[in-house]
Amino acid sequence: MAAAAPPAVAAELVAPALVVVELMVDPAHRRRGLARTLLRGFTAGAPRAWLATHPDGDAVKLYETEGWRPGLRYQVGDQPVVLYLWSRGSLPQDANSQYFATTMSA
């Protein structure tokens, strides 16, 4: 993927980037902030991260409100995919680790 990406995007895909491979919340437990808590927890110590999802996926709005930005659009077979990029500073300073620590200790 990095070879097909523009240089600015490819630079964000290499270590020490965190890759979010799967993040799913059971439909019966959605709309409670679980995905947001998990996403912030995953990225709490990372300088940057990336993930790939369907452009019309249920979590796209979550990613965008959490500071993730589309970096590359591509196809896998007949399915459209968007690569989302995140970097420290996408949220107010230390908001990721503070949110995670507060939420997990409650």
PDB file of N, CA and C in Angstrom:
ATOM      1  N   MET A   1       0.828  -1.183   0.000  1.00  0.00           N
ATOM      2  CA  MET A   1       0.000   0.000   0.000  1.00  0.00           C
ATOM      3  C   MET A   1       0.873   1.248   0.000  1.00  0.00           C
ATOM      4  N   ALA A   2       1.951   1.242   0.788  1.00  0.00           N
ATOM      5  CA  ALA A   2       2.803   2.427   0.881  1.00  0.00           C
ATOM      6  C   ALA A   2       3.391   2.787  -0.470  1.00  0.00           C
ATOM      7  N   ALA A   3       3.684   1.789  -1.305  1.00  0.00           N
ATOM      8  CA  ALA A   3       4.268   2.070  -2.617  1.00  0.00           C
ATOM      9  C   ALA A   3       3.277   2.791  -3.528  1.00  0.00           C
ATOM     10  N   ALA A   4       1.981   2.551  -3.346  1.00  0.00           N
ATOM     11  CA  ALA A   4       0.962   3.181  -4.186  1.00  0.00           C
ATOM     12  C   ALA A   4       0.503   4.523  -3.639  1.00  0.00           C
ATOM     13  N   ALA A   5       0.859   4.837  -2.427  1.00  0.00           N
ATOM     14  CA  ALA A   5       0.399   6.070  -1.773  1.00  0.00           C
ATOM     15  C   ALA A   5       1.317   7.233  -2.120  1.00  0.00           C
ATOM     16  N   PRO A   6       0.772   8.450  -2.127  1.00  0.00           N
ATOM     17  CA  PRO A   6       1.619   9.632  -2.290  1.00  0.00           C
ATOM     18  C   PRO A   6       2.655   9.678  -1.162  1.00  0.00           C
ATOM     19  N   PRO A   7       3.819  10.254  -1.381  1.00  0.00           N
ATOM     20  CA  PRO A   7       4.880  10.258  -0.366  1.00  0.00           C
ATOM     21  C   PRO A   7       4.436  10.757   1.013  1.00  0.00           C
ATOM     22  N   ALA A   8       3.624  11.788   1.067  1.00  0.00           N
ATOM     23  CA  ALA A   8       3.187  12.321   2.370  1.00  0.00           C
ATOM     24  C   ALA A   8       2.347  11.302   3.131  1.00  0.00           C
ATOM     25  N   VAL A   9       1.551  10.509   2.434  1.00  0.00           N
ATOM     26  CA  VAL A   9       0.735   9.474   3.069  1.00  0.00           C
ATOM     27  C   VAL A   9       1.611   8.285   3.428  1.00  0.00           C
ATOM     28  N   ALA A  10       2.476   7.863   2.508  1.00  0.00           N
ATOM     29  CA  ALA A  10       3.348   6.706   2.751  1.00  0.00           C
ATOM     30  C   ALA A  10       4.209   6.919   3.990  1.00  0.00           C
ATOM     31  N   ALA A  11       4.660   8.126   4.234  1.00  0.00           N
ATOM     32  CA  ALA A  11       5.508   8.413   5.391  1.00  0.00           C
ATOM     33  C   ALA A  11       4.779   8.160   6.709  1.00  0.00           C
ATOM     34  N   GLU A  12       3.455   8.239   6.703  1.00  0.00           N
ATOM     35  CA  GLU A  12       2.680   8.025   7.928  1.00  0.00           C
ATOM     36  C   GLU A  12       2.327   6.563   8.165  1.00  0.00           C
ATOM     37  N   LEU A  13       2.626   5.693   7.212  1.00  0.00           N
ATOM     38  CA  LEU A  13       2.255   4.283   7.324  1.00  0.00           C
ATOM     39  C   LEU A  13       3.342   3.420   7.945  1.00  0.00           C
ATOM     40  N   VAL A  14       4.510   3.972   8.166  1.00  0.00           N
ATOM     41  CA  VAL A  14       5.635   3.176   8.657  1.00  0.00           C
ATOM     42  C   VAL A  14       5.813   3.359  10.165  1.00  0.00           C
ATOM     43  N   ALA A  15       6.544   2.427  10.763  1.00  0.00           N
ATOM     44  CA  ALA A  15       6.802   2.487  12.204  1.00  0.00           C
ATOM     45  C   ALA A  15       7.394   3.833  12.576  1.00  0.00           C
ATOM     46  N   PRO A  16       6.982   4.348  13.704  1.00  0.00           N
ATOM     47  CA  PRO A  16       6.218   3.731  14.783  1.00  0.00           C
ATOM     48  C   PRO A  16       4.718   3.980  14.701  1.00  0.00           C
ATOM     49  N   ALA A  17       4.127   3.842  13.544  1.00  0.00           N
ATOM     50  CA  ALA A  17       2.682   4.016  13.416  1.00  0.00           C
ATOM     51  C   ALA A  17       1.940   2.794  13.953  1.00  0.00           C
ATOM     52  N   LEU A  18       0.825   3.049  14.589  1.00  0.00           N
ATOM     53  CA  LEU A  18      -0.060   2.002  15.088  1.00  0.00           C
ATOM     54  C   LEU A  18      -1.078   1.703  13.994  1.00  0.00           C
ATOM     55  N   VAL A  19      -1.360   0.447  13.760  1.00  0.00           N
ATOM     56  CA  VAL A  19      -2.362   0.055  12.771  1.00  0.00           C
ATOM     57  C   VAL A  19      -3.583  -0.486  13.505  1.00  0.00           C
ATOM     58  N   VAL A  20      -4.723   0.128  13.284  1.00  0.00           N
ATOM     59  CA  VAL A  20      -5.976  -0.369  13.855  1.00  0.00           C
ATOM     60  C   VAL A  20      -6.550  -1.335  12.824  1.00  0.00           C
ATOM     61  N   VAL A  21      -6.493  -2.627  13.134  1.00  0.00           N
ATOM     62  CA  VAL A  21      -6.902  -3.646  12.179  1.00  0.00           C
ATOM     63  C   VAL A  21      -8.391  -3.950  12.299  1.00  0.00           C
ATOM     64  N   GLU A  22      -8.876  -4.141  13.488  1.00  0.00           N
ATOM     65  CA  GLU A  22     -10.293  -4.433  13.710  1.00  0.00           C
ATOM     66  C   GLU A  22     -10.783  -3.643  14.911  1.00  0.00           C
ATOM     67  N   LEU A  23     -11.902  -2.993  14.750  1.00  0.00           N
ATOM     68  CA  LEU A  23     -12.561  -2.307  15.864  1.00  0.00           C
ATOM     69  C   LEU A  23     -14.061  -2.424  15.624  1.00  0.00           C
ATOM     70  N   MET A  24     -14.684  -3.287  16.395  1.00  0.00           N
ATOM     71  CA  MET A  24     -16.120  -3.511  16.227  1.00  0.00           C
ATOM     72  C   MET A  24     -16.792  -3.533  17.586  1.00  0.00           C
ATOM     73  N   VAL A  25     -17.989  -2.986  17.633  1.00  0.00           N
ATOM     74  CA  VAL A  25     -18.810  -3.025  18.839  1.00  0.00           C
ATOM     75  C   VAL A  25     -20.114  -3.720  18.465  1.00  0.00           C
ATOM     76  N   ASP A  26     -20.503  -4.669  19.276  1.00  0.00           N
ATOM     77  CA  ASP A  26     -21.751  -5.385  19.051  1.00  0.00           C
ATOM     78  C   ASP A  26     -22.889  -4.370  18.915  1.00  0.00           C
ATOM     79  N   PRO A  27     -23.747  -4.528  17.912  1.00  0.00           N
ATOM     80  CA  PRO A  27     -24.840  -3.573  17.719  1.00  0.00           C
ATOM     81  C   PRO A  27     -25.671  -3.301  18.972  1.00  0.00           C
ATOM     82  N   ALA A  28     -25.823  -4.283  19.838  1.00  0.00           N
ATOM     83  CA  ALA A  28     -26.611  -4.089  21.061  1.00  0.00           C
ATOM     84  C   ALA A  28     -25.930  -3.148  22.053  1.00  0.00           C
ATOM     85  N   HIS A  29     -24.646  -2.877  21.848  1.00  0.00           N
ATOM     86  CA  HIS A  29     -23.896  -2.039  22.785  1.00  0.00           C
ATOM     87  C   HIS A  29     -23.391  -0.740  22.154  1.00  0.00           C
ATOM     88  N   ARG A  30     -23.861  -0.423  20.977  1.00  0.00           N
ATOM     89  CA  ARG A  30     -23.429   0.803  20.302  1.00  0.00           C
ATOM     90  C   ARG A  30     -24.077   2.039  20.904  1.00  0.00           C
ATOM     91  N   ARG A  31     -23.514   3.184  20.558  1.00  0.00           N
ATOM     92  CA  ARG A  31     -24.002   4.510  20.979  1.00  0.00           C
ATOM     93  C   ARG A  31     -23.796   4.736  22.476  1.00  0.00           C
ATOM     94  N   ARG A  32     -22.781   4.076  23.055  1.00  0.00           N
ATOM     95  CA  ARG A  32     -22.460   4.250  24.475  1.00  0.00           C
ATOM     96  C   ARG A  32     -21.037   4.763  24.675  1.00  0.00           C
ATOM     97  N   GLY A  33     -20.339   5.045  23.580  1.00  0.00           N
ATOM     98  CA  GLY A  33     -18.977   5.552  23.682  1.00  0.00           C
ATOM     99  C   GLY A  33     -17.903   4.479  23.767  1.00  0.00           C
ATOM    100  N   LEU A  34     -18.276   3.225  23.579  1.00  0.00           N
ATOM    101  CA  LEU A  34     -17.296   2.145  23.688  1.00  0.00           C
ATOM    102  C   LEU A  34     -16.231   2.226  22.599  1.00  0.00           C
ATOM    103  N   ALA A  35     -16.634   2.425  21.358  1.00  0.00           N
ATOM    104  CA  ALA A  35     -15.663   2.500  20.260  1.00  0.00           C
ATOM    105  C   ALA A  35     -14.737   3.702  20.452  1.00  0.00           C
ATOM    106  N   ARG A  36     -15.285   4.830  20.870  1.00  0.00           N
ATOM    107  CA  ARG A  36     -14.473   6.026  21.110  1.00  0.00           C
ATOM    108  C   ARG A  36     -13.439   5.752  22.216  1.00  0.00           C
ATOM    109  N   THR A  37     -13.870   5.117  23.290  1.00  0.00           N
ATOM    110  CA  THR A  37     -12.968   4.789  24.390  1.00  0.00           C
ATOM    111  C   THR A  37     -11.863   3.843  23.913  1.00  0.00           C
ATOM    112  N   LEU A  38     -12.246   2.807  23.173  1.00  0.00           N
ATOM    113  CA  LEU A  38     -11.251   1.863  22.663  1.00  0.00           C
ATOM    114  C   LEU A  38     -10.276   2.543  21.703  1.00  0.00           C
ATOM    115  N   LEU A  39     -10.798   3.340  20.794  1.00  0.00           N
ATOM    116  CA  LEU A  39      -9.953   4.011  19.812  1.00  0.00           C
ATOM    117  C   LEU A  39      -8.957   4.946  20.496  1.00  0.00           C
ATOM    118  N   ARG A  40      -9.431   5.708  21.461  1.00  0.00           N
ATOM    119  CA  ARG A  40      -8.529   6.606  22.192  1.00  0.00           C
ATOM    120  C   ARG A  40      -7.516   5.816  23.013  1.00  0.00           C
ATOM    121  N   GLY A  41      -7.948   4.712  23.574  1.00  0.00           N
ATOM    122  CA  GLY A  41      -7.029   3.871  24.335  1.00  0.00           C
ATOM    123  C   GLY A  41      -5.948   3.267  23.454  1.00  0.00           C
ATOM    124  N   PHE A  42      -6.337   2.783  22.277  1.00  0.00           N
ATOM    125  CA  PHE A  42      -5.365   2.206  21.351  1.00  0.00           C
ATOM    126  C   PHE A  42      -4.305   3.215  20.956  1.00  0.00           C
ATOM    127  N   THR A  43      -4.711   4.455  20.749  1.00  0.00           N
ATOM    128  CA  THR A  43      -3.784   5.464  20.237  1.00  0.00           C
ATOM    129  C   THR A  43      -3.096   6.273  21.326  1.00  0.00           C
ATOM    130  N   ALA A  44      -3.408   6.002  22.587  1.00  0.00           N
ATOM    131  CA  ALA A  44      -2.903   6.816  23.698  1.00  0.00           C
ATOM    132  C   ALA A  44      -1.391   6.981  23.698  1.00  0.00           C
ATOM    133  N   GLY A  45      -0.632   5.970  23.370  1.00  0.00           N
ATOM    134  CA  GLY A  45       0.824   6.089  23.400  1.00  0.00           C
ATOM    135  C   GLY A  45       1.462   6.189  22.030  1.00  0.00           C
ATOM    136  N   ALA A  46       0.672   6.244  21.000  1.00  0.00           N
ATOM    137  CA  ALA A  46       1.209   6.236  19.632  1.00  0.00           C
ATOM    138  C   ALA A  46       1.409   7.650  19.090  1.00  0.00           C
ATOM    139  N   PRO A  47       2.472   7.855  18.321  1.00  0.00           N
ATOM    140  CA  PRO A  47       2.648   9.159  17.692  1.00  0.00           C
ATOM    141  C   PRO A  47       1.719   9.347  16.498  1.00  0.00           C
ATOM    142  N   ARG A  48       1.353   8.228  15.868  1.00  0.00           N
ATOM    143  CA  ARG A  48       0.434   8.279  14.724  1.00  0.00           C
ATOM    144  C   ARG A  48      -0.162   6.894  14.513  1.00  0.00           C
ATOM    145  N   ALA A  49      -1.258   6.857  13.757  1.00  0.00           N
ATOM    146  CA  ALA A  49      -1.945   5.590  13.505  1.00  0.00           C
ATOM    147  C   ALA A  49      -2.657   5.666  12.169  1.00  0.00           C
ATOM    148  N   TRP A  50      -3.053   4.506  11.674  1.00  0.00           N
ATOM    149  CA  TRP A  50      -3.853   4.466  10.454  1.00  0.00           C
ATOM    150  C   TRP A  50      -4.774   3.258  10.480  1.00  0.00           C
ATOM    151  N   LEU A  51      -5.821   3.350   9.679  1.00  0.00           N
ATOM    152  CA  LEU A  51      -6.776   2.257   9.521  1.00  0.00           C
ATOM    153  C   LEU A  51      -7.417   2.384   8.151  1.00  0.00           C
ATOM    154  N   ALA A  52      -7.984   1.301   7.693  1.00  0.00           N
ATOM    155  CA  ALA A  52      -8.692   1.291   6.415  1.00  0.00           C
ATOM    156  C   ALA A  52     -10.120   0.834   6.667  1.00  0.00           C
ATOM    157  N   THR A  53     -11.069   1.496   6.011  1.00  0.00           N
ATOM    158  CA  THR A  53     -12.478   1.148   6.195  1.00  0.00           C
ATOM    159  C   THR A  53     -13.263   1.497   4.934  1.00  0.00           C
ATOM    160  N   HIS A  54     -14.481   1.044   4.877  1.00  0.00           N
ATOM    161  CA  HIS A  54     -15.379   1.404   3.773  1.00  0.00           C
ATOM    162  C   HIS A  54     -15.764   2.877   3.951  1.00  0.00           C
ATOM    163  N   PRO A  55     -15.796   3.648   2.884  1.00  0.00           N
ATOM    164  CA  PRO A  55     -16.116   5.076   3.021  1.00  0.00           C
ATOM    165  C   PRO A  55     -17.505   5.363   3.576  1.00  0.00           C
ATOM    166  N   ASP A  56     -18.420   4.399   3.505  1.00  0.00           N
ATOM    167  CA  ASP A  56     -19.758   4.583   4.053  1.00  0.00           C
ATOM    168  C   ASP A  56     -19.951   3.794   5.348  1.00  0.00           C
ATOM    169  N   GLY A  57     -18.863   3.357   5.958  1.00  0.00           N
ATOM    170  CA  GLY A  57     -18.942   2.559   7.179  1.00  0.00           C
ATOM    171  C   GLY A  57     -19.562   3.322   8.332  1.00  0.00           C
ATOM    172  N   ASP A  58     -20.133   2.573   9.261  1.00  0.00           N
ATOM    173  CA  ASP A  58     -20.807   3.160  10.416  1.00  0.00           C
ATOM    174  C   ASP A  58     -19.891   4.043  11.259  1.00  0.00           C
ATOM    175  N   ALA A  59     -18.594   3.742  11.296  1.00  0.00           N
ATOM    176  CA  ALA A  59     -17.683   4.450  12.199  1.00  0.00           C
ATOM    177  C   ALA A  59     -16.972   5.649  11.555  1.00  0.00           C
ATOM    178  N   VAL A  60     -17.228   5.934  10.303  1.00  0.00           N
ATOM    179  CA  VAL A  60     -16.527   7.039   9.630  1.00  0.00           C
ATOM    180  C   VAL A  60     -16.706   8.358  10.377  1.00  0.00           C
ATOM    181  N   LYS A  61     -17.904   8.659  10.815  1.00  0.00           N
ATOM    182  CA  LYS A  61     -18.142   9.910  11.548  1.00  0.00           C
ATOM    183  C   LYS A  61     -17.338   9.933  12.847  1.00  0.00           C
ATOM    184  N   LEU A  62     -17.274   8.802  13.546  1.00  0.00           N
ATOM    185  CA  LEU A  62     -16.471   8.706  14.761  1.00  0.00           C
ATOM    186  C   LEU A  62     -15.019   9.031  14.452  1.00  0.00           C
ATOM    187  N   TYR A  63     -14.458   8.394  13.435  1.00  0.00           N
ATOM    188  CA  TYR A  63     -13.056   8.638  13.093  1.00  0.00           C
ATOM    189  C   TYR A  63     -12.812  10.116  12.814  1.00  0.00           C
ATOM    190  N   GLU A  64     -13.686  10.709  12.043  1.00  0.00           N
ATOM    191  CA  GLU A  64     -13.495  12.110  11.672  1.00  0.00           C
ATOM    192  C   GLU A  64     -13.634  13.039  12.870  1.00  0.00           C
ATOM    193  N   THR A  65     -14.569  12.774  13.775  1.00  0.00           N
ATOM    194  CA  THR A  65     -14.704  13.628  14.964  1.00  0.00           C
ATOM    195  C   THR A  65     -13.547  13.433  15.934  1.00  0.00           C
ATOM    196  N   GLU A  66     -12.846  12.304  15.817  1.00  0.00           N
ATOM    197  CA  GLU A  66     -11.684  12.036  16.660  1.00  0.00           C
ATOM    198  C   GLU A  66     -10.378  12.525  16.020  1.00  0.00           C
ATOM    199  N   GLY A  67     -10.478  13.251  14.912  1.00  0.00           N
ATOM    200  CA  GLY A  67      -9.290  13.829  14.297  1.00  0.00           C
ATOM    201  C   GLY A  67      -8.631  12.985  13.229  1.00  0.00           C
ATOM    202  N   TRP A  68      -9.222  11.851  12.875  1.00  0.00           N
ATOM    203  CA  TRP A  68      -8.689  11.039  11.780  1.00  0.00           C
ATOM    204  C   TRP A  68      -9.052  11.738  10.474  1.00  0.00           C
ATOM    205  N   ARG A  69      -8.165  11.666   9.504  1.00  0.00           N
ATOM    206  CA  ARG A  69      -8.433  12.324   8.223  1.00  0.00           C
ATOM    207  C   ARG A  69      -8.203  11.347   7.076  1.00  0.00           C
ATOM    208  N   PRO A  70      -9.021  11.450   6.030  1.00  0.00           N
ATOM    209  CA  PRO A  70      -8.829  10.553   4.883  1.00  0.00           C
ATOM    210  C   PRO A  70      -7.482  10.846   4.226  1.00  0.00           C
ATOM    211  N   GLY A  71      -6.731   9.797   3.940  1.00  0.00           N
ATOM    212  CA  GLY A  71      -5.428   9.983   3.319  1.00  0.00           C
ATOM    213  C   GLY A  71      -5.331   9.414   1.926  1.00  0.00           C
ATOM    214  N   LEU A  72      -6.118   8.392   1.643  1.00  0.00           N
ATOM    215  CA  LEU A  72      -6.025   7.711   0.350  1.00  0.00           C
ATOM    216  C   LEU A  72      -7.304   6.931   0.124  1.00  0.00           C
ATOM    217  N   ARG A  73      -7.812   6.994  -1.090  1.00  0.00           N
ATOM    218  CA  ARG A  73      -8.974   6.186  -1.469  1.00  0.00           C
ATOM    219  C   ARG A  73      -8.510   5.185  -2.517  1.00  0.00           C
ATOM    220  N   TYR A  74      -8.980   3.942  -2.376  1.00  0.00           N
ATOM    221  CA  TYR A  74      -8.576   2.906  -3.328  1.00  0.00           C
ATOM    222  C   TYR A  74      -9.650   1.827  -3.368  1.00  0.00           C
ATOM    223  N   GLN A  75      -9.467   0.834  -4.220  1.00  0.00           N
ATOM    224  CA  GLN A  75     -10.420  -0.262  -4.387  1.00  0.00           C
ATOM    225  C   GLN A  75      -9.752  -1.570  -3.991  1.00  0.00           C
ATOM    226  N   VAL A  76     -10.492  -2.439  -3.363  1.00  0.00           N
ATOM    227  CA  VAL A  76     -10.075  -3.816  -3.133  1.00  0.00           C
ATOM    228  C   VAL A  76     -11.135  -4.653  -3.828  1.00  0.00           C
ATOM    229  N   GLY A  77     -10.783  -5.179  -4.979  1.00  0.00           N
ATOM    230  CA  GLY A  77     -11.784  -5.840  -5.817  1.00  0.00           C
ATOM    231  C   GLY A  77     -12.795  -4.794  -6.257  1.00  0.00           C
ATOM    232  N   ASP A  78     -14.061  -5.027  -5.952  1.00  0.00           N
ATOM    233  CA  ASP A  78     -15.091  -4.049  -6.309  1.00  0.00           C
ATOM    234  C   ASP A  78     -15.512  -3.183  -5.121  1.00  0.00           C
ATOM    235  N   GLN A  79     -14.787  -3.291  -4.005  1.00  0.00           N
ATOM    236  CA  GLN A  79     -15.138  -2.542  -2.793  1.00  0.00           C
ATOM    237  C   GLN A  79     -14.286  -1.281  -2.624  1.00  0.00           C
ATOM    238  N   PRO A  80     -14.926  -0.118  -2.442  1.00  0.00           N
ATOM    239  CA  PRO A  80     -14.150   1.090  -2.165  1.00  0.00           C
ATOM    240  C   PRO A  80     -13.614   1.065  -0.731  1.00  0.00           C
ATOM    241  N   VAL A  81     -12.429   1.605  -0.549  1.00  0.00           N
ATOM    242  CA  VAL A  81     -11.784   1.654   0.760  1.00  0.00           C
ATOM    243  C   VAL A  81     -11.172   3.037   0.929  1.00  0.00           C
ATOM    244  N   VAL A  82     -11.216   3.541   2.142  1.00  0.00           N
ATOM    245  CA  VAL A  82     -10.532   4.797   2.450  1.00  0.00           C
ATOM    246  C   VAL A  82      -9.553   4.531   3.587  1.00  0.00           C
ATOM    247  N   LEU A  83      -8.357   5.047   3.431  1.00  0.00           N
ATOM    248  CA  LEU A  83      -7.320   4.945   4.443  1.00  0.00           C
ATOM    249  C   LEU A  83      -7.400   6.197   5.299  1.00  0.00           C
ATOM    250  N   TYR A  84      -7.615   6.029   6.595  1.00  0.00           N
ATOM    251  CA  TYR A  84      -7.671   7.154   7.522  1.00  0.00           C
ATOM    252  C   TYR A  84      -6.367   7.250   8.287  1.00  0.00           C
ATOM    253  N   LEU A  85      -5.887   8.477   8.480  1.00  0.00           N
ATOM    254  CA  LEU A  85      -4.643   8.757   9.179  1.00  0.00           C
ATOM    255  C   LEU A  85      -4.934   9.573  10.431  1.00  0.00           C
ATOM    256  N   TRP A  86      -4.178   9.308  11.474  1.00  0.00           N
ATOM    257  CA  TRP A  86      -4.296  10.050  12.727  1.00  0.00           C
ATOM    258  C   TRP A  86      -2.900  10.332  13.234  1.00  0.00           C
ATOM    259  N   SER A  87      -2.710  11.480  13.841  1.00  0.00           N
ATOM    260  CA  SER A  87      -1.426  11.749  14.475  1.00  0.00           C
ATOM    261  C   SER A  87      -1.652  12.504  15.773  1.00  0.00           C
ATOM    262  N   ARG A  88      -0.707  12.330  16.698  1.00  0.00           N
ATOM    263  CA  ARG A  88      -0.785  13.024  17.975  1.00  0.00           C
ATOM    264  C   ARG A  88      -0.972  14.501  17.678  1.00  0.00           C
ATOM    265  N   GLY A  89      -1.829  15.132  18.421  1.00  0.00           N
ATOM    266  CA  GLY A  89      -2.146  16.529  18.158  1.00  0.00           C
ATOM    267  C   GLY A  89      -3.442  16.680  17.382  1.00  0.00           C
ATOM    268  N   SER A  90      -4.013  15.552  16.927  1.00  0.00           N
ATOM    269  CA  SER A  90      -5.307  15.609  16.254  1.00  0.00           C
ATOM    270  C   SER A  90      -6.402  15.992  17.234  1.00  0.00           C
ATOM    271  N   LEU A  91      -6.164  15.727  18.507  1.00  0.00           N
ATOM    272  CA  LEU A  91      -7.040  16.152  19.589  1.00  0.00           C
ATOM    273  C   LEU A  91      -6.236  17.102  20.458  1.00  0.00           C
ATOM    274  N   PRO A  92      -6.870  17.850  21.348  1.00  0.00           N
ATOM    275  CA  PRO A  92      -6.098  18.711  22.252  1.00  0.00           C
ATOM    276  C   PRO A  92      -5.016  17.908  22.966  1.00  0.00           C
ATOM    277  N   GLN A  93      -3.925  18.551  23.297  1.00  0.00           N
ATOM    278  CA  GLN A  93      -2.771  17.880  23.882  1.00  0.00           C
ATOM    279  C   GLN A  93      -3.169  16.970  25.035  1.00  0.00           C
ATOM    280  N   ASP A  94      -2.706  15.732  24.957  1.00  0.00           N
ATOM    281  CA  ASP A  94      -2.919  14.695  25.963  1.00  0.00           C
ATOM    282  C   ASP A  94      -4.384  14.292  26.150  1.00  0.00           C
ATOM    283  N   ALA A  95      -5.286  14.741  25.302  1.00  0.00           N
ATOM    284  CA  ALA A  95      -6.697  14.358  25.459  1.00  0.00           C
ATOM    285  C   ALA A  95      -6.868  12.855  25.331  1.00  0.00           C
ATOM    286  N   ASN A  96      -6.096  12.221  24.455  1.00  0.00           N
ATOM    287  CA  ASN A  96      -6.229  10.774  24.276  1.00  0.00           C
ATOM    288  C   ASN A  96      -5.947  10.038  25.568  1.00  0.00           C
ATOM    289  N   SER A  97      -4.794  10.258  26.174  1.00  0.00           N
ATOM    290  CA  SER A  97      -4.438   9.502  27.366  1.00  0.00           C
ATOM    291  C   SER A  97      -5.282   9.923  28.565  1.00  0.00           C
ATOM    292  N   GLN A  98      -5.609  11.202  28.689  1.00  0.00           N
ATOM    293  CA  GLN A  98      -6.448  11.640  29.804  1.00  0.00           C
ATOM    294  C   GLN A  98      -7.842  11.017  29.707  1.00  0.00           C
ATOM    295  N   TYR A  99      -8.414  11.018  28.516  1.00  0.00           N
ATOM    296  CA  TYR A  99      -9.755  10.448  28.332  1.00  0.00           C
ATOM    297  C   TYR A  99      -9.737   8.980  28.679  1.00  0.00           C
ATOM    298  N   PHE A 100      -8.754   8.255  28.162  1.00  0.00           N
ATOM    299  CA  PHE A 100      -8.684   6.823  28.397  1.00  0.00           C
ATOM    300  C   PHE A 100      -8.518   6.518  29.880  1.00  0.00           C
ATOM    301  N   ALA A 101      -7.616   7.225  30.531  1.00  0.00           N
ATOM    302  CA  ALA A 101      -7.370   6.983  31.953  1.00  0.00           C
ATOM    303  C   ALA A 101      -8.626   7.285  32.779  1.00  0.00           C
ATOM    304  N   THR A 102      -9.311   8.370  32.464  1.00  0.00           N
ATOM    305  CA  THR A 102     -10.518   8.747  33.194  1.00  0.00           C
ATOM    306  C   THR A 102     -11.623   7.739  32.972  1.00  0.00           C
ATOM    307  N   THR A 103     -11.815   7.331  31.720  1.00  0.00           N
ATOM    308  CA  THR A 103     -12.890   6.415  31.383  1.00  0.00           C
ATOM    309  C   THR A 103     -12.655   5.030  31.972  1.00  0.00           C
ATOM    310  N   MET A 104     -11.427   4.560  31.903  1.00  0.00           N
ATOM    311  CA  MET A 104     -11.138   3.209  32.365  1.00  0.00           C
ATOM    312  C   MET A 104     -11.118   3.117  33.886  1.00  0.00           C
ATOM    313  N   SER A 105     -10.870   4.229  34.585  1.00  0.00           N
ATOM    314  CA  SER A 105     -10.845   4.165  36.036  1.00  0.00           C
ATOM    315  C   SER A 105     -12.209   4.399  36.658  1.00  0.00           C
ATOM    316  N   ALA A 106     -13.170   4.833  35.848  1.00  0.00           N
ATOM    317  CA  ALA A 106     -14.516   5.115  36.370  1.00  0.00           C
ATOM    318  C   ALA A 106     -15.288   3.859  36.680  1.00  0.00           C
TER     319      ALA A 106
END
